[in-house]
Amino acid sequence: MPIALDNLRVGRKYQLVNMGEIRQVEIISRIRGTNFKVKDLDTLEYYTIEELLQWGIGKDYDIDEIFR
């Protein structure tokens, strides 16, 4: 069962699975509500959660904290 977006914490790392894509991200800051600025740990690019979920939530959607 995925973690709710409003339970994400700044400074923690998470694995996000959606629409066949797997991303490992670190939460950098909370923008507003359930939108966060995140850093992709593989590419070092910055995104927002809204950008990553803009095309919808797929059947495989999952977000879990990782310990690295």
PDB file of N, CA and C in Angstrom:
ATOM      1  N   MET A   1       0.838  -1.173   0.000  1.00  0.00           N
ATOM      2  CA  MET A   1       0.000   0.000   0.000  1.00  0.00           C
ATOM      3  C   MET A   1       0.894   1.251   0.000  1.00  0.00           C
ATOM      4  N   PRO A   2       0.680   2.175  -0.942  1.00  0.00           N
ATOM      5  CA  PRO A   2       1.535   3.355  -1.039  1.00  0.00           C
ATOM      6  C   PRO A   2       1.319   4.329   0.116  1.00  0.00           C
ATOM      7  N   ILE A   3       2.350   5.101   0.385  1.00  0.00           N
ATOM      8  CA  ILE A   3       2.283   6.165   1.382  1.00  0.00           C
ATOM      9  C   ILE A   3       1.475   7.318   0.782  1.00  0.00           C
ATOM     10  N   ALA A   4       0.630   7.955   1.579  1.00  0.00           N
ATOM     11  CA  ALA A   4      -0.120   9.125   1.113  1.00  0.00           C
ATOM     12  C   ALA A   4       0.846  10.287   0.891  1.00  0.00           C
ATOM     13  N   LEU A   5       0.597  11.089  -0.130  1.00  0.00           N
ATOM     14  CA  LEU A   5       1.491  12.198  -0.458  1.00  0.00           C
ATOM     15  C   LEU A   5       1.652  13.183   0.686  1.00  0.00           C
ATOM     16  N   ASP A   6       0.613  13.388   1.489  1.00  0.00           N
ATOM     17  CA  ASP A   6       0.739  14.344   2.587  1.00  0.00           C
ATOM     18  C   ASP A   6       1.558  13.792   3.756  1.00  0.00           C
ATOM     19  N   ASN A   7       1.992  12.528   3.680  1.00  0.00           N
ATOM     20  CA  ASN A   7       2.851  11.935   4.707  1.00  0.00           C
ATOM     21  C   ASN A   7       4.326  11.933   4.319  1.00  0.00           C
ATOM     22  N   LEU A   8       4.667  12.469   3.146  1.00  0.00           N
ATOM     23  CA  LEU A   8       6.069  12.549   2.734  1.00  0.00           C
ATOM     24  C   LEU A   8       6.783  13.582   3.594  1.00  0.00           C
ATOM     25  N   ARG A   9       8.051  13.362   3.867  1.00  0.00           N
ATOM     26  CA  ARG A   9       8.830  14.240   4.734  1.00  0.00           C
ATOM     27  C   ARG A   9      10.065  14.770   4.016  1.00  0.00           C
ATOM     28  N   VAL A  10      10.354  16.046   4.240  1.00  0.00           N
ATOM     29  CA  VAL A  10      11.525  16.699   3.648  1.00  0.00           C
ATOM     30  C   VAL A  10      12.791  16.012   4.166  1.00  0.00           C
ATOM     31  N   GLY A  11      13.715  15.739   3.249  1.00  0.00           N
ATOM     32  CA  GLY A  11      14.982  15.108   3.588  1.00  0.00           C
ATOM     33  C   GLY A  11      14.973  13.594   3.487  1.00  0.00           C
ATOM     34  N   ARG A  12      13.807  12.994   3.348  1.00  0.00           N
ATOM     35  CA  ARG A  12      13.701  11.542   3.237  1.00  0.00           C
ATOM     36  C   ARG A  12      13.751  11.121   1.767  1.00  0.00           C
ATOM     37  N   LYS A  13      14.080   9.850   1.545  1.00  0.00           N
ATOM     38  CA  LYS A  13      14.190   9.304   0.187  1.00  0.00           C
ATOM     39  C   LYS A  13      13.089   8.277  -0.033  1.00  0.00           C
ATOM     40  N   TYR A  14      12.537   8.298  -1.255  1.00  0.00           N
ATOM     41  CA  TYR A  14      11.415   7.429  -1.585  1.00  0.00           C
ATOM     42  C   TYR A  14      11.610   6.815  -2.967  1.00  0.00           C
ATOM     43  N   GLN A  15      11.010   5.654  -3.159  1.00  0.00           N
ATOM     44  CA  GLN A  15      10.947   5.040  -4.486  1.00  0.00           C
ATOM     45  C   GLN A  15       9.528   5.192  -4.988  1.00  0.00           C
ATOM     46  N   LEU A  16       9.396   5.824  -6.144  1.00  0.00           N
ATOM     47  CA  LEU A  16       8.098   6.069  -6.761  1.00  0.00           C
ATOM     48  C   LEU A  16       7.968   5.191  -7.997  1.00  0.00           C
ATOM     49  N   VAL A  17       6.917   4.382  -8.041  1.00  0.00           N
ATOM     50  CA  VAL A  17       6.615   3.534  -9.201  1.00  0.00           C
ATOM     51  C   VAL A  17       5.289   4.023  -9.757  1.00  0.00           C
ATOM     52  N   ASN A  18       5.261   4.338 -11.049  1.00  0.00           N
ATOM     53  CA  ASN A  18       4.028   4.789 -11.689  1.00  0.00           C
ATOM     54  C   ASN A  18       4.153   4.614 -13.203  1.00  0.00           C
ATOM     55  N   MET A  19       3.141   4.010 -13.798  1.00  0.00           N
ATOM     56  CA  MET A  19       3.080   3.810 -15.248  1.00  0.00           C
ATOM     57  C   MET A  19       4.344   3.135 -15.787  1.00  0.00           C
ATOM     58  N   GLY A  20       4.872   2.165 -15.040  1.00  0.00           N
ATOM     59  CA  GLY A  20       6.039   1.413 -15.489  1.00  0.00           C
ATOM     60  C   GLY A  20       7.372   2.089 -15.229  1.00  0.00           C
ATOM     61  N   GLU A  21       7.382   3.319 -14.738  1.00  0.00           N
ATOM     62  CA  GLU A  21       8.626   4.020 -14.432  1.00  0.00           C
ATOM     63  C   GLU A  21       8.943   3.867 -12.954  1.00  0.00           C
ATOM     64  N   ILE A  22      10.203   3.649 -12.657  1.00  0.00           N
ATOM     65  CA  ILE A  22      10.652   3.563 -11.272  1.00  0.00           C
ATOM     66  C   ILE A  22      11.646   4.697 -11.054  1.00  0.00           C
ATOM     67  N   ARG A  23      11.343   5.540 -10.084  1.00  0.00           N
ATOM     68  CA  ARG A  23      12.226   6.662  -9.768  1.00  0.00           C
ATOM     69  C   ARG A  23      12.535   6.661  -8.282  1.00  0.00           C
ATOM     70  N   GLN A  24      13.776   6.933  -7.965  1.00  0.00           N
ATOM     71  CA  GLN A  24      14.169   7.117  -6.573  1.00  0.00           C
ATOM     72  C   GLN A  24      14.415   8.604  -6.390  1.00  0.00           C
ATOM     73  N   VAL A  25      13.687   9.198  -5.453  1.00  0.00           N
ATOM     74  CA  VAL A  25      13.727  10.641  -5.274  1.00  0.00           C
ATOM     75  C   VAL A  25      13.970  11.003  -3.818  1.00  0.00           C
ATOM     76  N   GLU A  26      14.525  12.197  -3.620  1.00  0.00           N
ATOM     77  CA  GLU A  26      14.683  12.773  -2.292  1.00  0.00           C
ATOM     78  C   GLU A  26      13.796  14.009  -2.237  1.00  0.00           C
ATOM     79  N   ILE A  27      13.050  14.169  -1.168  1.00  0.00           N
ATOM     80  CA  ILE A  27      12.184  15.334  -1.002  1.00  0.00           C
ATOM     81  C   ILE A  27      13.055  16.503  -0.573  1.00  0.00           C
ATOM     82  N   ILE A  28      13.061  17.574  -1.359  1.00  0.00           N
ATOM     83  CA  ILE A  28      13.884  18.749  -1.089  1.00  0.00           C
ATOM     84  C   ILE A  28      13.104  19.783  -0.277  1.00  0.00           C
ATOM     85  N   SER A  29      11.878  20.080  -0.705  1.00  0.00           N
ATOM     86  CA  SER A  29      11.060  21.055   0.023  1.00  0.00           C
ATOM     87  C   SER A  29       9.588  20.847  -0.303  1.00  0.00           C
ATOM     88  N   ARG A  30       8.742  21.339   0.594  1.00  0.00           N
ATOM     89  CA  ARG A  30       7.295  21.293   0.366  1.00  0.00           C
ATOM     90  C   ARG A  30       6.913  22.615  -0.281  1.00  0.00           C
ATOM     91  N   ILE A  31       6.249  22.541  -1.425  1.00  0.00           N
ATOM     92  CA  ILE A  31       5.852  23.752  -2.146  1.00  0.00           C
ATOM     93  C   ILE A  31       4.519  24.253  -1.600  1.00  0.00           C
ATOM     94  N   ARG A  32       3.502  23.396  -1.675  1.00  0.00           N
ATOM     95  CA  ARG A  32       2.188  23.701  -1.103  1.00  0.00           C
ATOM     96  C   ARG A  32       1.353  22.437  -1.109  1.00  0.00           C
ATOM     97  N   GLY A  33       0.529  22.280  -0.106  1.00  0.00           N
ATOM     98  CA  GLY A  33      -0.341  21.113  -0.036  1.00  0.00           C
ATOM     99  C   GLY A  33       0.419  19.809  -0.157  1.00  0.00           C
ATOM    100  N   THR A  34       0.100  19.056  -1.185  1.00  0.00           N
ATOM    101  CA  THR A  34       0.785  17.774  -1.407  1.00  0.00           C
ATOM    102  C   THR A  34       1.774  17.840  -2.560  1.00  0.00           C
ATOM    103  N   ASN A  35       2.216  19.046  -2.917  1.00  0.00           N
ATOM    104  CA  ASN A  35       3.218  19.195  -3.973  1.00  0.00           C
ATOM    105  C   ASN A  35       4.584  19.443  -3.331  1.00  0.00           C
ATOM    106  N   PHE A  36       5.585  18.729  -3.809  1.00  0.00           N
ATOM    107  CA  PHE A  36       6.932  18.810  -3.263  1.00  0.00           C
ATOM    108  C   PHE A  36       7.938  18.998  -4.383  1.00  0.00           C
ATOM    109  N   LYS A  37       9.034  19.664  -4.075  1.00  0.00           N
ATOM    110  CA  LYS A  37      10.177  19.712  -4.981  1.00  0.00           C
ATOM    111  C   LYS A  37      11.013  18.490  -4.639  1.00  0.00           C
ATOM    112  N   VAL A  38      11.345  17.675  -5.661  1.00  0.00           N
ATOM    113  CA  VAL A  38      12.098  16.446  -5.441  1.00  0.00           C
ATOM    114  C   VAL A  38      13.334  16.414  -6.325  1.00  0.00           C
ATOM    115  N   LYS A  39      14.338  15.694  -5.862  1.00  0.00           N
ATOM    116  CA  LYS A  39      15.569  15.486  -6.631  1.00  0.00           C
ATOM    117  C   LYS A  39      15.630  14.021  -7.017  1.00  0.00           C
ATOM    118  N   ASP A  40      15.721  13.754  -8.304  1.00  0.00           N
ATOM    119  CA  ASP A  40      15.858  12.392  -8.807  1.00  0.00           C
ATOM    120  C   ASP A  40      17.269  11.910  -8.446  1.00  0.00           C
ATOM    121  N   LEU A  41      17.373  10.818  -7.716  1.00  0.00           N
ATOM    122  CA  LEU A  41      18.673  10.337  -7.244  1.00  0.00           C
ATOM    123  C   LEU A  41      19.501   9.666  -8.336  1.00  0.00           C
ATOM    124  N   ASP A  42      18.891   9.321  -9.457  1.00  0.00           N
ATOM    125  CA  ASP A  42      19.627   8.701 -10.557  1.00  0.00           C
ATOM    126  C   ASP A  42      20.163   9.744 -11.532  1.00  0.00           C
ATOM    127  N   THR A  43      19.334  10.725 -11.897  1.00  0.00           N
ATOM    128  CA  THR A  43      19.731  11.717 -12.892  1.00  0.00           C
ATOM    129  C   THR A  43      20.145  13.054 -12.269  1.00  0.00           C
ATOM    130  N   LEU A  44      19.875  13.237 -10.976  1.00  0.00           N
ATOM    131  CA  LEU A  44      20.163  14.472 -10.237  1.00  0.00           C
ATOM    132  C   LEU A  44      19.357  15.673 -10.736  1.00  0.00           C
ATOM    133  N   GLU A  45      18.282  15.415 -11.481  1.00  0.00           N
ATOM    134  CA  GLU A  45      17.387  16.484 -11.937  1.00  0.00           C
ATOM    135  C   GLU A  45      16.365  16.788 -10.850  1.00  0.00           C
ATOM    136  N   TYR A  46      15.804  18.002 -10.924  1.00  0.00           N
ATOM    137  CA  TYR A  46      14.779  18.412  -9.974  1.00  0.00           C
ATOM    138  C   TYR A  46      13.419  18.431 -10.657  1.00  0.00           C
ATOM    139  N   TYR A  47      12.406  17.944  -9.962  1.00  0.00           N
ATOM    140  CA  TYR A  47      11.031  17.903 -10.443  1.00  0.00           C
ATOM    141  C   TYR A  47      10.114  18.321  -9.306  1.00  0.00           C
ATOM    142  N   THR A  48       8.828  18.382  -9.618  1.00  0.00           N
ATOM    143  CA  THR A  48       7.825  18.455  -8.567  1.00  0.00           C
ATOM    144  C   THR A  48       7.015  17.159  -8.633  1.00  0.00           C
ATOM    145  N   ILE A  49       6.387  16.816  -7.535  1.00  0.00           N
ATOM    146  CA  ILE A  49       5.539  15.618  -7.521  1.00  0.00           C
ATOM    147  C   ILE A  49       4.425  15.762  -8.552  1.00  0.00           C
ATOM    148  N   GLU A  50       3.882  16.972  -8.698  1.00  0.00           N
ATOM    149  CA  GLU A  50       2.823  17.192  -9.693  1.00  0.00           C
ATOM    150  C   GLU A  50       3.299  16.866 -11.099  1.00  0.00           C
ATOM    151  N   GLU A  51       4.542  17.212 -11.434  1.00  0.00           N
ATOM    152  CA  GLU A  51       5.082  16.893 -12.760  1.00  0.00           C
ATOM    153  C   GLU A  51       5.195  15.382 -12.961  1.00  0.00           C
ATOM    154  N   LEU A  52       5.590  14.669 -11.925  1.00  0.00           N
ATOM    155  CA  LEU A  52       5.748  13.220 -12.043  1.00  0.00           C
ATOM    156  C   LEU A  52       4.408  12.497 -12.140  1.00  0.00           C
ATOM    157  N   LEU A  53       3.349  13.085 -11.596  1.00  0.00           N
ATOM    158  CA  LEU A  53       2.034  12.444 -11.596  1.00  0.00           C
ATOM    159  C   LEU A  53       1.035  13.117 -12.534  1.00  0.00           C
ATOM    160  N   GLN A  54       1.500  14.026 -13.386  1.00  0.00           N
ATOM    161  CA  GLN A  54       0.590  14.809 -14.230  1.00  0.00           C
ATOM    162  C   GLN A  54      -0.222  13.974 -15.215  1.00  0.00           C
ATOM    163  N   TRP A  55       0.260  12.814 -15.601  1.00  0.00           N
ATOM    164  CA  TRP A  55      -0.459  11.976 -16.561  1.00  0.00           C
ATOM    165  C   TRP A  55      -1.348  10.958 -15.870  1.00  0.00           C
ATOM    166  N   GLY A  56      -1.477  11.057 -14.572  1.00  0.00           N
ATOM    167  CA  GLY A  56      -2.362  10.162 -13.834  1.00  0.00           C
ATOM    168  C   GLY A  56      -1.600   9.133 -13.030  1.00  0.00           C
ATOM    169  N   ILE A  57      -2.367   8.398 -12.257  1.00  0.00           N
ATOM    170  CA  ILE A  57      -1.810   7.353 -11.409  1.00  0.00           C
ATOM    171  C   ILE A  57      -2.189   6.010 -12.017  1.00  0.00           C
ATOM    172  N   GLY A  58      -1.178   5.220 -12.339  1.00  0.00           N
ATOM    173  CA  GLY A  58      -1.408   3.921 -12.987  1.00  0.00           C
ATOM    174  C   GLY A  58      -1.747   2.819 -12.001  1.00  0.00           C
ATOM    175  N   LYS A  59      -2.045   1.645 -12.541  1.00  0.00           N
ATOM    176  CA  LYS A  59      -2.379   0.483 -11.717  1.00  0.00           C
ATOM    177  C   LYS A  59      -1.214   0.068 -10.837  1.00  0.00           C
ATOM    178  N   ASP A  60       0.013   0.349 -11.275  1.00  0.00           N
ATOM    179  CA  ASP A  60       1.202  -0.066 -10.539  1.00  0.00           C
ATOM    180  C   ASP A  60       1.712   1.007  -9.572  1.00  0.00           C
ATOM    181  N   TYR A  61       0.955   2.080  -9.350  1.00  0.00           N
ATOM    182  CA  TYR A  61       1.400   3.198  -8.499  1.00  0.00           C
ATOM    183  C   TYR A  61       1.774   2.715  -7.104  1.00  0.00           C
ATOM    184  N   ASP A  62       2.953   3.116  -6.661  1.00  0.00           N
ATOM    185  CA  ASP A  62       3.416   2.807  -5.317  1.00  0.00           C
ATOM    186  C   ASP A  62       4.480   3.818  -4.933  1.00  0.00           C
ATOM    187  N   ILE A  63       4.495   4.220  -3.690  1.00  0.00           N
ATOM    188  CA  ILE A  63       5.561   5.077  -3.176  1.00  0.00           C
ATOM    189  C   ILE A  63       5.902   4.583  -1.782  1.00  0.00           C
ATOM    190  N   ASP A  64       7.179   4.263  -1.601  1.00  0.00           N
ATOM    191  CA  ASP A  64       7.662   3.725  -0.340  1.00  0.00           C
ATOM    192  C   ASP A  64       8.981   4.393   0.021  1.00  0.00           C
ATOM    193  N   GLU A  65       9.227   4.540   1.314  1.00  0.00           N
ATOM    194  CA  GLU A  65      10.486   5.108   1.774  1.00  0.00           C
ATOM    195  C   GLU A  65      11.600   4.104   1.560  1.00  0.00           C
ATOM    196  N   ILE A  66      12.759   4.613   1.147  1.00  0.00           N
ATOM    197  CA  ILE A  66      13.935   3.753   0.984  1.00  0.00           C
ATOM    198  C   ILE A  66      14.999   4.210   1.966  1.00  0.00           C
ATOM    199  N   PHE A  67      15.833   3.310   2.342  1.00  0.00           N
ATOM    200  CA  PHE A  67      16.914   3.609   3.274  1.00  0.00           C
ATOM    201  C   PHE A  67      18.216   3.321   2.578  1.00  0.00           C
ATOM    202  N   ARG A  68      18.923   4.356   2.194  1.00  0.00           N
ATOM    203  CA  ARG A  68      20.165   4.239   1.427  1.00  0.00           C
ATOM    204  C   ARG A  68      21.260   4.923   2.141  1.00  0.00           C
TER     205      ARG A  68
END
